[in-house]
């Protein structure tokens, strides 16, 4: 039965139905977990899985859902759930706009044993949204060393342009961003390329990118990033 649950959840994630995958996991946990404390801990991981899935990281999402089922059955070997819980709290804080606090939670999670490219990228992004581009760059470089992905390129470009907002840096960012253009619309990618075009003096292309950002922002940007996009679009011609 447990394997059936896992396969159903994997299929739902592959189909892009994150809400259905989360509901399936929650129902499975409630049906197999005998201990209310296990249910609570497992639910934290479901929240983490939803966060990863909505960010497009289906591999990390499935791992989180699998861990939730393992905890519910009592077969999870690591009794210290604090790393996962800190990451879940960080996701909630980030969604609420508390990016500095989110970064602190992610740092605590890493100190307690969290590892992998995803957690380091999340830390880099939280620091970037919290106006700490130097700290963001350090975390993002570490994420890239563990597992380079096209998604990290956008945040790296934003951190580099924040530290050195020059035409030269913007031109290098444009080359890397165009080489990593995502197949699906990406708010972070559009924001990064909008910033790069803006720094390089290509106002029309910059405004077009920022307009796409404002159409689909949905919590992906920090407050200062959102203000920058709005300012660019609403600036007098």
Protein backbone atom coordinates (compact mmCIF):
# COMPACT_ATOMS: atom_id res chain seq x y z
CA UNK A 1 0.00 0.00 0.00
CA UNK A 2 2.82 2.39 0.88
CA UNK A 3 4.45 1.84 -2.49
CA UNK A 4 1.12 2.56 -4.17
CA UNK A 5 1.00 5.87 -2.33
CA UNK A 6 4.52 6.73 -3.48
CA UNK A 7 3.74 5.91 -7.10
CA UNK A 8 0.49 7.91 -7.03
CA UNK A 9 2.30 10.93 -5.58
CA UNK A 10 5.12 10.66 -8.12
CA UNK A 11 2.62 10.49 -10.97
CA UNK A 12 0.72 13.52 -9.68
CA UNK A 13 3.95 15.52 -9.38
CA UNK A 14 4.95 14.51 -12.91
CA UNK A 15 1.57 15.74 -14.12
CA UNK A 16 2.15 19.07 -12.40
CA UNK A 17 -0.81 18.71 -10.02
CA UNK A 18 0.97 19.82 -6.85
CA UNK A 19 -2.22 20.29 -4.84
CA UNK A 20 -3.40 16.77 -5.63
CA UNK A 21 0.02 15.33 -4.73
CA UNK A 22 -0.05 17.16 -1.39
CA UNK A 23 -3.59 16.01 -0.63
CA UNK A 24 -2.69 12.42 -1.51
CA UNK A 25 0.28 12.57 0.85
CA UNK A 26 -1.73 14.07 3.69
CA UNK A 27 -4.43 11.40 3.36
CA UNK A 28 -1.78 8.68 3.30
CA UNK A 29 -0.14 10.05 6.45
CA UNK A 30 -3.43 10.20 8.31
CA UNK A 31 -4.23 6.62 7.34
CA UNK A 32 -0.89 5.09 8.37
CA UNK A 33 0.49 7.20 11.22
CA UNK A 34 -0.47 5.87 14.68
CA UNK A 35 1.20 8.71 16.61
CA UNK A 36 -0.08 12.32 16.46
CA UNK A 37 3.47 13.63 16.91
CA UNK A 38 4.54 11.69 13.82
CA UNK A 39 1.65 13.17 11.87
CA UNK A 40 2.72 16.70 12.86
CA UNK A 41 6.32 16.08 11.83
CA UNK A 42 5.27 14.50 8.55
CA UNK A 43 2.98 17.41 7.76
CA UNK A 44 5.94 19.79 8.06
CA UNK A 45 7.65 17.85 5.28
CA UNK A 46 4.55 17.94 3.10
CA UNK A 47 4.69 21.73 3.30
CA UNK A 48 8.32 21.63 2.29
CA UNK A 49 7.45 19.35 -0.64
CA UNK A 50 4.77 21.75 -1.84
CA UNK A 51 7.26 24.58 -1.73
CA UNK A 52 9.79 22.68 -3.81
CA UNK A 53 7.13 21.58 -6.30
CA UNK A 54 5.86 25.13 -6.82
CA UNK A 55 9.47 26.19 -7.45
CA UNK A 56 9.71 23.56 -10.17
CA UNK A 57 12.06 21.27 -8.23
CA UNK A 58 10.11 18.03 -8.60
CA UNK A 59 13.02 15.85 -7.46
CA UNK A 60 13.34 17.63 -4.12
CA UNK A 61 9.54 17.68 -3.80
CA UNK A 62 9.30 13.93 -4.21
CA UNK A 63 12.09 13.41 -1.67
CA UNK A 64 10.21 15.55 0.85
CA UNK A 65 6.95 13.65 0.28
CA UNK A 66 8.82 10.33 0.59
CA UNK A 67 10.37 11.44 3.86
CA UNK A 68 6.94 12.45 5.12
CA UNK A 69 5.64 8.93 4.43
CA UNK A 70 8.72 7.39 6.05
CA UNK A 71 8.19 9.42 9.20
CA UNK A 72 4.50 8.50 9.33
CA UNK A 73 5.38 4.78 9.23
CA UNK A 74 8.08 5.16 11.85
CA UNK A 75 10.84 3.83 9.57
CA UNK A 76 12.73 7.10 9.22
CA UNK A 77 16.15 6.56 10.77
CA UNK A 78 17.02 10.16 11.58
CA UNK A 79 15.04 11.24 14.65
CA UNK A 80 16.27 14.83 14.44
CA UNK A 81 13.64 16.55 12.33
CA UNK A 82 14.91 20.05 13.06
CA UNK A 83 16.73 20.53 9.73
CA UNK A 84 13.54 19.87 7.75
CA UNK A 85 11.40 21.91 10.12
CA UNK A 86 13.78 24.87 9.92
CA UNK A 87 13.58 24.69 6.14
CA UNK A 88 9.80 24.61 6.29
CA UNK A 89 9.71 27.61 8.61
CA UNK A 90 12.13 29.41 6.28
CA UNK A 91 9.80 28.83 3.35
CA UNK A 92 6.89 30.33 5.31
CA UNK A 93 8.98 33.32 6.40
CA UNK A 94 10.18 33.92 2.87
CA UNK A 95 6.61 33.83 1.56
CA UNK A 96 5.68 36.39 4.24
CA UNK A 97 8.45 38.72 3.09
CA UNK A 98 10.71 38.07 6.10
CA UNK A 99 13.74 37.18 4.00
CA UNK A 100 16.46 37.86 6.58
CA UNK A 101 14.71 35.63 9.11
CA UNK A 102 14.24 32.99 6.41
CA UNK A 103 17.98 33.07 5.74
CA UNK A 104 18.72 32.61 9.44
CA UNK A 105 16.45 29.55 9.55
CA UNK A 106 18.17 28.08 6.51
CA UNK A 107 21.58 28.69 8.10
CA UNK A 108 20.38 26.84 11.21
CA UNK A 109 19.10 24.01 9.05
CA UNK A 110 22.48 23.67 7.34
CA UNK A 111 24.27 23.69 10.70
CA UNK A 112 22.00 20.84 11.81
CA UNK A 113 22.83 18.71 8.77
CA UNK A 114 20.79 19.90 5.78
CA UNK A 115 22.77 19.56 2.59
CA UNK A 116 22.35 19.59 -1.15
CA UNK A 117 22.15 22.22 -3.85
CA UNK A 118 18.50 23.11 -3.15
CA UNK A 119 19.02 24.25 0.44
CA UNK A 120 22.06 26.33 -0.49
CA UNK A 121 20.21 27.94 -3.37
CA UNK A 122 17.30 28.71 -1.06
CA UNK A 123 19.76 30.36 1.35
CA UNK A 124 21.32 32.36 -1.47
CA UNK A 125 17.94 33.53 -2.71
CA UNK A 126 16.77 34.49 0.79
CA UNK A 127 19.95 36.50 1.35
CA UNK A 128 19.53 38.15 -2.04
CA UNK A 129 15.96 39.16 -1.25
CA UNK A 130 17.18 40.37 2.15
CA UNK A 131 19.68 42.75 0.46
CA UNK A 132 22.78 40.68 1.27
CA UNK A 133 24.19 40.04 -2.22
CA UNK A 134 27.68 39.15 -0.96
CA UNK A 135 26.29 36.45 1.34
CA UNK A 136 23.94 35.36 -1.44
CA UNK A 137 26.83 34.93 -3.87
CA UNK A 138 28.72 32.71 -1.42
CA UNK A 139 25.72 30.41 -0.91
CA UNK A 140 24.89 30.31 -4.63
CA UNK A 141 28.44 29.43 -5.63
CA UNK A 142 28.28 26.57 -3.14
CA UNK A 143 24.95 25.41 -4.60
CA UNK A 144 26.41 25.54 -8.09
CA UNK A 145 29.43 23.47 -7.05
CA UNK A 146 27.18 20.77 -5.60
CA UNK A 147 24.82 20.61 -8.58
CA UNK A 148 24.90 23.27 -11.29
CA UNK A 149 21.45 24.10 -12.65
CA UNK A 150 20.05 26.69 -15.03
CA UNK A 151 17.84 27.99 -12.22
CA UNK A 152 20.87 29.03 -10.15
CA UNK A 153 22.18 31.15 -13.03
CA UNK A 154 19.43 33.76 -12.56
CA UNK A 155 20.16 34.26 -8.87
CA UNK A 156 23.92 34.32 -9.46
CA UNK A 157 23.48 37.01 -12.12
CA UNK A 158 21.31 39.08 -9.79
CA UNK A 159 23.83 38.81 -6.95
CA UNK A 160 26.75 39.75 -9.20
CA UNK A 161 24.90 42.76 -10.64
CA UNK A 162 23.91 43.91 -7.15
CA UNK A 163 27.54 43.84 -6.03
CA UNK A 164 28.91 45.44 -9.19
CA UNK A 165 26.17 47.22 -11.18
CA UNK A 166 28.28 47.87 -14.25
CA UNK A 167 27.66 47.54 -17.97
CA UNK A 168 30.42 44.93 -18.23
CA UNK A 169 28.89 42.70 -15.55
CA UNK A 170 25.45 43.14 -17.14
CA UNK A 171 26.76 42.06 -20.54
CA UNK A 172 28.30 38.90 -19.06
CA UNK A 173 25.05 38.21 -17.24
CA UNK A 174 23.05 38.53 -20.46
CA UNK A 175 25.22 35.93 -22.19
CA UNK A 176 24.80 33.43 -19.34
CA UNK A 177 21.10 34.11 -18.95
CA UNK A 178 20.36 33.67 -22.65
CA UNK A 179 22.31 30.39 -22.59
CA UNK A 180 20.14 29.17 -19.71
CA UNK A 181 16.79 30.41 -21.03
CA UNK A 182 14.11 28.20 -19.37
CA UNK A 183 11.56 26.23 -21.37
CA UNK A 184 8.76 27.47 -19.11
CA UNK A 185 8.14 31.08 -17.98
CA UNK A 186 10.32 31.98 -14.98
CA UNK A 187 9.79 35.09 -12.88
CA UNK A 188 13.34 35.00 -11.52
CA UNK A 189 14.84 34.62 -14.99
CA UNK A 190 12.73 37.46 -16.41
CA UNK A 191 13.67 39.68 -13.46
CA UNK A 192 17.37 38.89 -13.86
CA UNK A 193 17.39 39.55 -17.59
CA UNK A 194 15.35 42.73 -17.03
CA UNK A 195 18.01 43.96 -14.61
CA UNK A 196 20.78 43.03 -17.05
CA UNK A 197 19.11 44.86 -19.93
CA UNK A 198 18.52 47.87 -17.69
CA UNK A 199 22.19 48.03 -16.67
CA UNK A 200 23.34 47.63 -20.26
CA UNK A 201 21.15 50.55 -21.38
CA UNK A 202 18.58 48.55 -23.37
CA UNK A 203 15.49 50.18 -21.90
CA UNK A 204 12.87 48.68 -24.21
CA UNK A 205 13.99 45.08 -23.63
CA UNK A 206 14.29 45.76 -19.90
CA UNK A 207 10.73 47.10 -19.60
CA UNK A 208 9.34 44.16 -21.57
CA UNK A 209 11.03 41.72 -19.17
CA UNK A 210 9.82 43.61 -16.09
CA UNK A 211 6.28 43.66 -17.48
CA UNK A 212 6.38 39.86 -17.72
CA UNK A 213 7.61 39.77 -14.13
CA UNK A 214 4.71 41.88 -12.87
CA UNK A 215 2.20 39.66 -14.67
CA UNK A 216 3.37 36.53 -12.83
CA UNK A 217 5.29 37.67 -9.71
CA UNK A 218 3.30 35.50 -7.25
CA UNK A 219 5.67 35.85 -4.30
CA UNK A 220 8.82 34.97 -6.25
CA UNK A 221 10.36 38.39 -5.69
CA UNK A 222 11.46 40.22 -2.58
CA UNK A 223 9.86 43.58 -1.80
CA UNK A 224 12.83 45.60 -3.07
CA UNK A 225 12.96 43.49 -6.25
CA UNK A 226 9.26 44.03 -6.85
CA UNK A 227 9.65 47.77 -6.35
CA UNK A 228 12.47 47.81 -8.87
CA UNK A 229 10.36 46.07 -11.50
CA UNK A 230 7.41 48.40 -10.89
CA UNK A 231 9.65 51.45 -10.95
CA UNK A 232 11.13 50.47 -14.30
CA UNK A 233 7.74 49.84 -15.90
CA UNK A 234 6.12 52.99 -14.49
CA UNK A 235 9.06 55.35 -15.11
CA UNK A 236 8.27 58.31 -17.40
CA UNK A 237 9.34 57.74 -20.99
